PDB file of N, CA and C in Angstrom:
ATOM      1  N   MET A   1       0.726  -1.250   0.507  1.00  0.00           N
ATOM      2  CA  MET A   1       0.646  -0.318  -0.599  1.00  0.00           C
ATOM      3  C   MET A   1       0.598   1.290   0.348  1.00  0.00           C
ATOM      4  N   ASN A   2       0.599   2.429  -0.479  1.00  0.00           N
ATOM      5  CA  ASN A   2       1.444   3.325  -1.241  1.00  0.00           C
ATOM      6  C   ASN A   2       0.618   4.293  -0.210  1.00  0.00           C
ATOM      7  N   ILE A   3       0.085   4.369   0.263  1.00  0.00           N
ATOM      8  CA  ILE A   3      -0.559   5.743   0.710  1.00  0.00           C
ATOM      9  C   ILE A   3       0.321   6.388   2.041  1.00  0.00           C
ATOM     10  N   LYS A   4       1.291   7.989   1.453  1.00  0.00           N
ATOM     11  CA  LYS A   4       1.538   8.237   2.007  1.00  0.00           C
ATOM     12  C   LYS A   4       1.417   9.656   3.143  1.00  0.00           C
ATOM     13  N   GLN A   5      -0.655   9.857   2.662  1.00  0.00           N
ATOM     14  CA  GLN A   5      -0.683  10.883   3.110  1.00  0.00           C
ATOM     15  C   GLN A   5      -1.907  10.466   3.541  1.00  0.00           C
ATOM     16  N   CYS A   6      -2.761  11.002   4.930  1.00  0.00           N
ATOM     17  CA  CYS A   6      -4.777  10.168   5.164  1.00  0.00           C
ATOM     18  C   CYS A   6      -5.355  10.823   3.976  1.00  0.00           C
ATOM     19  N   PRO A   7      -5.979  10.284   3.310  1.00  0.00           N
ATOM     20  CA  PRO A   7      -6.998  11.653   2.756  1.00  0.00           C
ATOM     21  C   PRO A   7      -8.531  12.060   2.941  1.00  0.00           C
ATOM     22  N   LEU A   8      -8.012  11.528   4.672  1.00  0.00           N
ATOM     23  CA  LEU A   8      -9.351  12.250   5.081  1.00  0.00           C
ATOM     24  C   LEU A   8      -8.569  13.432   5.994  1.00  0.00           C
ATOM     25  N   CYS A   9      -7.668  13.208   6.663  1.00  0.00           N
ATOM     26  CA  CYS A   9      -7.649  14.586   7.457  1.00  0.00           C
ATOM     27  C   CYS A   9      -5.775  15.006   6.665  1.00  0.00           C
ATOM     28  N   HIS A  10      -5.163  14.550   5.446  1.00  0.00           N
ATOM     29  CA  HIS A  10      -4.486  14.752   5.558  1.00  0.00           C
ATOM     30  C   HIS A  10      -3.321  15.045   5.881  1.00  0.00           C
ATOM     31  N   ASN A  11      -3.289  14.508   7.328  1.00  0.00           N
ATOM     32  CA  ASN A  11      -1.795  14.071   7.496  1.00  0.00           C
ATOM     33  C   ASN A  11      -0.120  13.051   7.192  1.00  0.00           C
ATOM     34  N   GLU A  12       0.711  12.752   8.199  1.00  0.00           N
ATOM     35  CA  GLU A  12       1.623  12.291   7.164  1.00  0.00           C
ATOM     36  C   GLU A  12       1.301  10.687   8.326  1.00  0.00           C
ATOM     37  N   VAL A  13       0.615   9.279   7.410  1.00  0.00           N
ATOM     38  CA  VAL A  13       0.688   8.165   8.118  1.00  0.00           C
ATOM     39  C   VAL A  13       1.524   7.483   8.307  1.00  0.00           C
ATOM     40  N   ILE A  14       1.611   6.604   9.344  1.00  0.00           N
ATOM     41  CA  ILE A  14       2.627   5.633   9.403  1.00  0.00           C
ATOM     42  C   ILE A  14       2.388   3.748   9.055  1.00  0.00           C
ATOM     43  N   LEU A  15       3.728   3.082   9.095  1.00  0.00           N
ATOM     44  CA  LEU A  15       3.202   1.556   9.101  1.00  0.00           C
ATOM     45  C   LEU A  15       3.109   1.052  10.856  1.00  0.00           C
ATOM     46  N   GLY A  16       1.776  -0.038  10.682  1.00  0.00           N
ATOM     47  CA  GLY A  16       1.995  -0.237  12.158  1.00  0.00           C
ATOM     48  C   GLY A  16       1.421  -1.583  12.004  1.00  0.00           C
ATOM     49  N   THR A  17       0.861  -1.791  13.067  1.00  0.00           N
ATOM     50  CA  THR A  17      -0.265  -2.838  13.729  1.00  0.00           C
ATOM     51  C   THR A  17      -1.876  -2.637  13.692  1.00  0.00           C
ATOM     52  N   ALA A  18      -2.619  -2.779  13.442  1.00  0.00           N
ATOM     53  CA  ALA A  18      -4.037  -1.947  13.643  1.00  0.00           C
ATOM     54  C   ALA A  18      -5.083  -3.671  14.177  1.00  0.00           C
ATOM     55  N   LEU A  19      -5.971  -3.778  14.707  1.00  0.00           N
ATOM     56  CA  LEU A  19      -7.149  -3.986  15.222  1.00  0.00           C
ATOM     57  C   LEU A  19      -8.377  -4.314  14.379  1.00  0.00           C
ATOM     58  N   PHE A  20      -8.680  -5.443  14.547  1.00  0.00           N
ATOM     59  CA  PHE A  20      -9.325  -5.977  12.801  1.00  0.00           C
ATOM     60  C   PHE A  20     -11.138  -5.987  13.448  1.00  0.00           C
ATOM     61  N   SER A  21     -11.731  -6.287  13.074  1.00  0.00           N
ATOM     62  CA  SER A  21     -13.323  -6.497  13.897  1.00  0.00           C
ATOM     63  C   SER A  21     -13.954  -6.463  12.407  1.00  0.00           C
ATOM     64  N   ALA A  22     -15.277  -7.341  12.507  1.00  0.00           N
ATOM     65  CA  ALA A  22     -15.844  -7.892  11.183  1.00  0.00           C
ATOM     66  C   ALA A  22     -17.493  -9.169  12.414  1.00  0.00           C
ATOM     67  N   GLU A  23     -18.569  -8.208  11.671  1.00  0.00           N
ATOM     68  CA  GLU A  23     -19.520  -8.998  12.577  1.00  0.00           C
ATOM     69  C   GLU A  23     -19.871  -9.389  11.052  1.00  0.00           C
ATOM     70  N   LEU A  24     -19.781 -10.954  11.865  1.00  0.00           N
ATOM     71  CA  LEU A  24     -20.215 -12.770  10.966  1.00  0.00           C
ATOM     72  C   LEU A  24     -21.549 -12.980  10.632  1.00  0.00           C
ATOM     73  N   GLY A  25     -22.457 -11.405  11.039  1.00  0.00           N
ATOM     74  CA  GLY A  25     -23.567 -12.707  10.844  1.00  0.00           C
ATOM     75  C   GLY A  25     -24.566 -12.948  12.398  1.00  0.00           C
ATOM     76  N   GLU A  26     -24.114 -14.334  12.805  1.00  0.00           N
ATOM     77  CA  GLU A  26     -24.649 -14.961  14.044  1.00  0.00           C
ATOM     78  C   GLU A  26     -23.186 -14.572  15.330  1.00  0.00           C
ATOM     79  N   GLY A  27     -21.411 -13.998  14.639  1.00  0.00           N
ATOM     80  CA  GLY A  27     -20.797 -13.348  15.782  1.00  0.00           C
ATOM     81  C   GLY A  27     -19.941 -12.740  15.420  1.00  0.00           C
ATOM     82  N   VAL A  28     -18.596 -12.550  15.975  1.00  0.00           N
ATOM     83  CA  VAL A  28     -18.288 -11.021  15.879  1.00  0.00           C
ATOM     84  C   VAL A  28     -16.369 -11.916  14.999  1.00  0.00           C
ATOM     85  N   LEU A  29     -15.994 -11.136  14.842  1.00  0.00           N
ATOM     86  CA  LEU A  29     -14.360 -11.352  14.401  1.00  0.00           C
ATOM     87  C   LEU A  29     -13.707  -9.520  14.880  1.00  0.00           C
ATOM     88  N   ILE A  30     -12.447 -10.557  16.282  1.00  0.00           N
ATOM     89  CA  ILE A  30     -11.469  -9.911  16.415  1.00  0.00           C
ATOM     90  C   ILE A  30     -10.048 -10.475  16.071  1.00  0.00           C
ATOM     91  N   VAL A  31      -9.408  -9.589  15.102  1.00  0.00           N
ATOM     92  CA  VAL A  31      -8.047  -9.802  15.041  1.00  0.00           C
ATOM     93  C   VAL A  31      -6.815  -9.004  14.944  1.00  0.00           C
ATOM     94  N   LYS A  32      -6.304  -9.175  16.489  1.00  0.00           N
ATOM     95  CA  LYS A  32      -5.483  -8.308  16.400  1.00  0.00           C
ATOM     96  C   LYS A  32      -3.984  -8.817  15.802  1.00  0.00           C
ATOM     97  N   ASN A  33      -2.716  -7.310  16.242  1.00  0.00           N
ATOM     98  CA  ASN A  33      -1.624  -7.613  15.634  1.00  0.00           C
ATOM     99  C   ASN A  33      -2.010  -7.511  13.993  1.00  0.00           C
ATOM    100  N   VAL A  34      -2.831  -6.734  13.075  1.00  0.00           N
ATOM    101  CA  VAL A  34      -2.823  -6.819  12.014  1.00  0.00           C
ATOM    102  C   VAL A  34      -2.134  -5.413  11.019  1.00  0.00           C
ATOM    103  N   PRO A  35      -1.279  -6.360  10.402  1.00  0.00           N
ATOM    104  CA  PRO A  35      -0.532  -5.042   9.306  1.00  0.00           C
ATOM    105  C   PRO A  35      -1.029  -4.414   8.358  1.00  0.00           C
ATOM    106  N   ALA A  36      -1.123  -2.550   9.206  1.00  0.00           N
ATOM    107  CA  ALA A  36      -1.924  -1.566   8.670  1.00  0.00           C
ATOM    108  C   ALA A  36      -1.162  -0.191   7.687  1.00  0.00           C
ATOM    109  N   THR A  37      -1.410   0.025   7.112  1.00  0.00           N
ATOM    110  CA  THR A  37      -1.280   1.742   7.412  1.00  0.00           C
ATOM    111  C   THR A  37      -1.877   2.817   8.112  1.00  0.00           C
ATOM    112  N   ILE A  38      -1.701   3.483   9.080  1.00  0.00           N
ATOM    113  CA  ILE A  38      -2.552   4.016  10.044  1.00  0.00           C
ATOM    114  C   ILE A  38      -1.675   5.148  10.009  1.00  0.00           C
ATOM    115  N   CYS A  39      -3.019   6.681  10.350  1.00  0.00           N
ATOM    116  CA  CYS A  39      -2.822   7.682  10.648  1.00  0.00           C
ATOM    117  C   CYS A  39      -2.905   8.037  11.890  1.00  0.00           C
ATOM    118  N   PRO A  40      -1.566   8.393  12.574  1.00  0.00           N
ATOM    119  CA  PRO A  40      -1.256   9.085  13.860  1.00  0.00           C
ATOM    120  C   PRO A  40      -2.629   9.826  14.586  1.00  0.00           C
ATOM    121  N   VAL A  41      -3.014  10.876  13.420  1.00  0.00           N
ATOM    122  CA  VAL A  41      -3.792  11.622  13.888  1.00  0.00           C
ATOM    123  C   VAL A  41      -5.285  10.900  14.073  1.00  0.00           C
ATOM    124  N   CYS A  42      -6.396  10.994  13.279  1.00  0.00           N
ATOM    125  CA  CYS A  42      -7.581  10.395  13.052  1.00  0.00           C
ATOM    126  C   CYS A  42      -7.489   9.007  13.211  1.00  0.00           C
ATOM    127  N   GLY A  43      -6.774   8.449  13.275  1.00  0.00           N
ATOM    128  CA  GLY A  43      -6.867   6.822  13.601  1.00  0.00           C
ATOM    129  C   GLY A  43      -6.985   5.925  12.978  1.00  0.00           C
ATOM    130  N   GLU A  44      -7.930   6.574  11.223  1.00  0.00           N
ATOM    131  CA  GLU A  44      -8.033   5.975  10.280  1.00  0.00           C
ATOM    132  C   GLU A  44      -7.007   4.706   9.638  1.00  0.00           C
ATOM    133  N   LYS A  45      -7.478   3.311   9.429  1.00  0.00           N
ATOM    134  CA  LYS A  45      -6.644   2.630   9.199  1.00  0.00           C
ATOM    135  C   LYS A  45      -6.435   1.291   7.603  1.00  0.00           C
ATOM    136  N   TRP A  46      -6.033   1.092   7.196  1.00  0.00           N
ATOM    137  CA  TRP A  46      -5.591   1.248   5.770  1.00  0.00           C
ATOM    138  C   TRP A  46      -5.450  -0.389   5.904  1.00  0.00           C
ATOM    139  N   PHE A  47      -5.632  -1.434   4.636  1.00  0.00           N
ATOM    140  CA  PHE A  47      -4.686  -2.740   5.316  1.00  0.00           C
ATOM    141  C   PHE A  47      -5.037  -3.216   3.769  1.00  0.00           C
ATOM    142  N   ASP A  48      -3.380  -3.850   3.026  1.00  0.00           N
ATOM    143  CA  ASP A  48      -3.379  -3.867   1.760  1.00  0.00           C
ATOM    144  C   ASP A  48      -4.050  -5.100   0.932  1.00  0.00           C
ATOM    145  N   HIS A  49      -4.298  -5.335   0.437  1.00  0.00           N
ATOM    146  CA  HIS A  49      -4.862  -6.276  -0.199  1.00  0.00           C
ATOM    147  C   HIS A  49      -4.775  -7.964   0.071  1.00  0.00           C
ATOM    148  N   GLU A  50      -2.998  -8.243   0.297  1.00  0.00           N
ATOM    149  CA  GLU A  50      -3.281  -9.489  -0.170  1.00  0.00           C
ATOM    150  C   GLU A  50      -3.423  -9.799   2.088  1.00  0.00           C
ATOM    151  N   THR A  51      -3.352  -8.509   2.427  1.00  0.00           N
ATOM    152  CA  THR A  51      -4.279  -8.946   4.162  1.00  0.00           C
ATOM    153  C   THR A  51      -5.302  -8.915   4.334  1.00  0.00           C
ATOM    154  N   MET A  52      -6.013  -8.000   3.393  1.00  0.00           N
ATOM    155  CA  MET A  52      -7.256  -8.769   2.629  1.00  0.00           C
ATOM    156  C   MET A  52      -8.130  -9.821   2.992  1.00  0.00           C
ATOM    157  N   ILE A  53      -7.089 -10.394   1.748  1.00  0.00           N
ATOM    158  CA  ILE A  53      -7.707 -11.633   1.751  1.00  0.00           C
ATOM    159  C   ILE A  53      -7.067 -12.549   2.918  1.00  0.00           C
ATOM    160  N   LYS A  54      -6.028 -12.486   3.478  1.00  0.00           N
ATOM    161  CA  LYS A  54      -6.064 -13.258   4.888  1.00  0.00           C
ATOM    162  C   LYS A  54      -6.961 -13.356   6.076  1.00  0.00           C
ATOM    163  N   LEU A  55      -7.580 -12.147   6.180  1.00  0.00           N
ATOM    164  CA  LEU A  55      -8.966 -11.419   6.779  1.00  0.00           C
ATOM    165  C   LEU A  55      -9.988 -12.360   6.308  1.00  0.00           C
ATOM    166  N   GLU A  56     -10.146 -12.201   4.891  1.00  0.00           N
ATOM    167  CA  GLU A  56     -11.102 -12.709   4.671  1.00  0.00           C
ATOM    168  C   GLU A  56     -11.644 -14.244   5.007  1.00  0.00           C
ATOM    169  N   ALA A  57     -10.427 -15.061   4.781  1.00  0.00           N
ATOM    170  CA  ALA A  57     -10.037 -16.594   4.881  1.00  0.00           C
ATOM    171  C   ALA A  57     -10.420 -16.799   6.341  1.00  0.00           C
ATOM    172  N   VAL A  58      -9.807 -15.921   7.197  1.00  0.00           N
ATOM    173  CA  VAL A  58     -10.012 -16.334   8.837  1.00  0.00           C
ATOM    174  C   VAL A  58     -11.599 -16.182   9.043  1.00  0.00           C
ATOM    175  N   ALA A  59     -12.447 -15.000   8.468  1.00  0.00           N
ATOM    176  CA  ALA A  59     -13.662 -14.636   8.803  1.00  0.00           C
ATOM    177  C   ALA A  59     -14.755 -16.082   8.119  1.00  0.00           C
ATOM    178  N   ASP A  60     -14.156 -16.810   7.067  1.00  0.00           N
ATOM    179  CA  ASP A  60     -14.959 -17.306   6.451  1.00  0.00           C
ATOM    180  C   ASP A  60     -14.857 -18.666   7.175  1.00  0.00           C
ATOM    181  N   ASN A  61     -13.715 -19.066   7.815  1.00  0.00           N
ATOM    182  CA  ASN A  61     -13.526 -19.731   8.795  1.00  0.00           C
ATOM    183  C   ASN A  61     -14.132 -19.929  10.197  1.00  0.00           C
ATOM    184  N   ALA A  62     -14.118 -19.068  10.831  1.00  0.00           N
ATOM    185  CA  ALA A  62     -15.357 -18.334  12.126  1.00  0.00           C
ATOM    186  C   ALA A  62     -16.819 -18.421  11.339  1.00  0.00           C
ATOM    187  N   ARG A  63     -16.594 -18.364  10.311  1.00  0.00           N
ATOM    188  CA  ARG A  63     -17.702 -18.180  10.285  1.00  0.00           C
ATOM    189  C   ARG A  63     -18.248 -19.451  10.078  1.00  0.00           C
ATOM    190  N   SER A  64     -18.236 -19.984   9.336  1.00  0.00           N
ATOM    191  CA  SER A  64     -18.680 -21.918   8.555  1.00  0.00           C
ATOM    192  C   SER A  64     -18.231 -22.187  10.147  1.00  0.00           C
ATOM    193  N   ARG A  65     -17.714 -22.094  11.734  1.00  0.00           N
ATOM    194  CA  ARG A  65     -17.788 -22.947  12.288  1.00  0.00           C
ATOM    195  C   ARG A  65     -18.841 -21.858  12.978  1.00  0.00           C
ATOM    196  N   HIS A  66     -19.471 -21.414  12.731  1.00  0.00           N
ATOM    197  CA  HIS A  66     -20.675 -20.471  13.755  1.00  0.00           C
ATOM    198  C   HIS A  66     -20.341 -20.194  15.257  1.00  0.00           C
ATOM    199  N   ALA A  67     -18.678 -19.394  14.721  1.00  0.00           N
ATOM    200  CA  ALA A  67     -18.528 -18.885  16.126  1.00  0.00           C
ATOM    201  C   ALA A  67     -19.198 -17.773  16.345  1.00  0.00           C
ATOM    202  N   LEU A  68     -19.115 -17.537  17.509  1.00  0.00           N
ATOM    203  CA  LEU A  68     -19.872 -16.468  18.384  1.00  0.00           C
ATOM    204  C   LEU A  68     -18.966 -15.094  18.946  1.00  0.00           C
ATOM    205  N   ILE A  69     -17.900 -15.840  19.461  1.00  0.00           N
ATOM    206  CA  ILE A  69     -16.999 -14.755  19.372  1.00  0.00           C
ATOM    207  C   ILE A  69     -15.310 -14.944  18.917  1.00  0.00           C
ATOM    208  N   GLU A  70     -14.664 -14.655  18.315  1.00  0.00           N
ATOM    209  CA  GLU A  70     -13.219 -15.075  17.351  1.00  0.00           C
ATOM    210  C   GLU A  70     -12.236 -14.051  18.033  1.00  0.00           C
ATOM    211  N   VAL A  71     -11.291 -14.545  18.503  1.00  0.00           N
ATOM    212  CA  VAL A  71     -10.419 -13.380  18.869  1.00  0.00           C
ATOM    213  C   VAL A  71      -9.132 -14.281  18.818  1.00  0.00           C
ATOM    214  N   VAL A  72      -8.203 -13.667  17.645  1.00  0.00           N
ATOM    215  CA  VAL A  72      -7.503 -14.174  16.948  1.00  0.00           C
ATOM    216  C   VAL A  72      -6.234 -13.006  16.745  1.00  0.00           C
ATOM    217  N   ALA A  73      -5.019 -13.729  16.711  1.00  0.00           N
ATOM    218  CA  ALA A  73      -3.762 -12.692  16.506  1.00  0.00           C
ATOM    219  C   ALA A  73      -3.422 -13.190  14.645  1.00  0.00           C
ATOM    220  N   PHE A  74      -3.213 -12.096  13.456  1.00  0.00           N
ATOM    221  CA  PHE A  74      -2.921 -12.110  12.638  1.00  0.00           C
ATOM    222  C   PHE A  74      -1.838 -13.017  12.719  1.00  0.00           C
ATOM    223  N   ASP A  75      -1.634 -13.945  11.484  1.00  0.00           N
ATOM    224  CA  ASP A  75      -0.726 -14.367  11.283  1.00  0.00           C
ATOM    225  C   ASP A  75       0.259 -14.370  10.076  1.00  0.00           C
ATOM    226  N   ALA A  76       0.805 -13.638   9.718  1.00  0.00           N
ATOM    227  CA  ALA A  76       1.699 -12.710   8.494  1.00  0.00           C
ATOM    228  C   ALA A  76       1.537 -14.022   7.533  1.00  0.00           C
ATOM    229  N   ALA A  77       2.500 -15.075   8.305  1.00  0.00           N
ATOM    230  CA  ALA A  77       2.753 -16.493   6.845  1.00  0.00           C
ATOM    231  C   ALA A  77       2.023 -16.940   5.990  1.00  0.00           C
TER     232      ALA A  77
END
């Protein structure tokens, strides 16, 4: 991801990790330590395409098991 400036507040962004959450219909997924581009001023965050594919796979897995609450750490591998 090549964002250098936040499109919302126009401040410089940084690379870091963030929390990702998603409603799964019946449950909730929380993924910790997800690599992200983050605006330190407004708090907005962006995940690159490859990271989103991995997050979708985690969400699909939790949804298929009908998890009510799933909290996992991001696996970059």
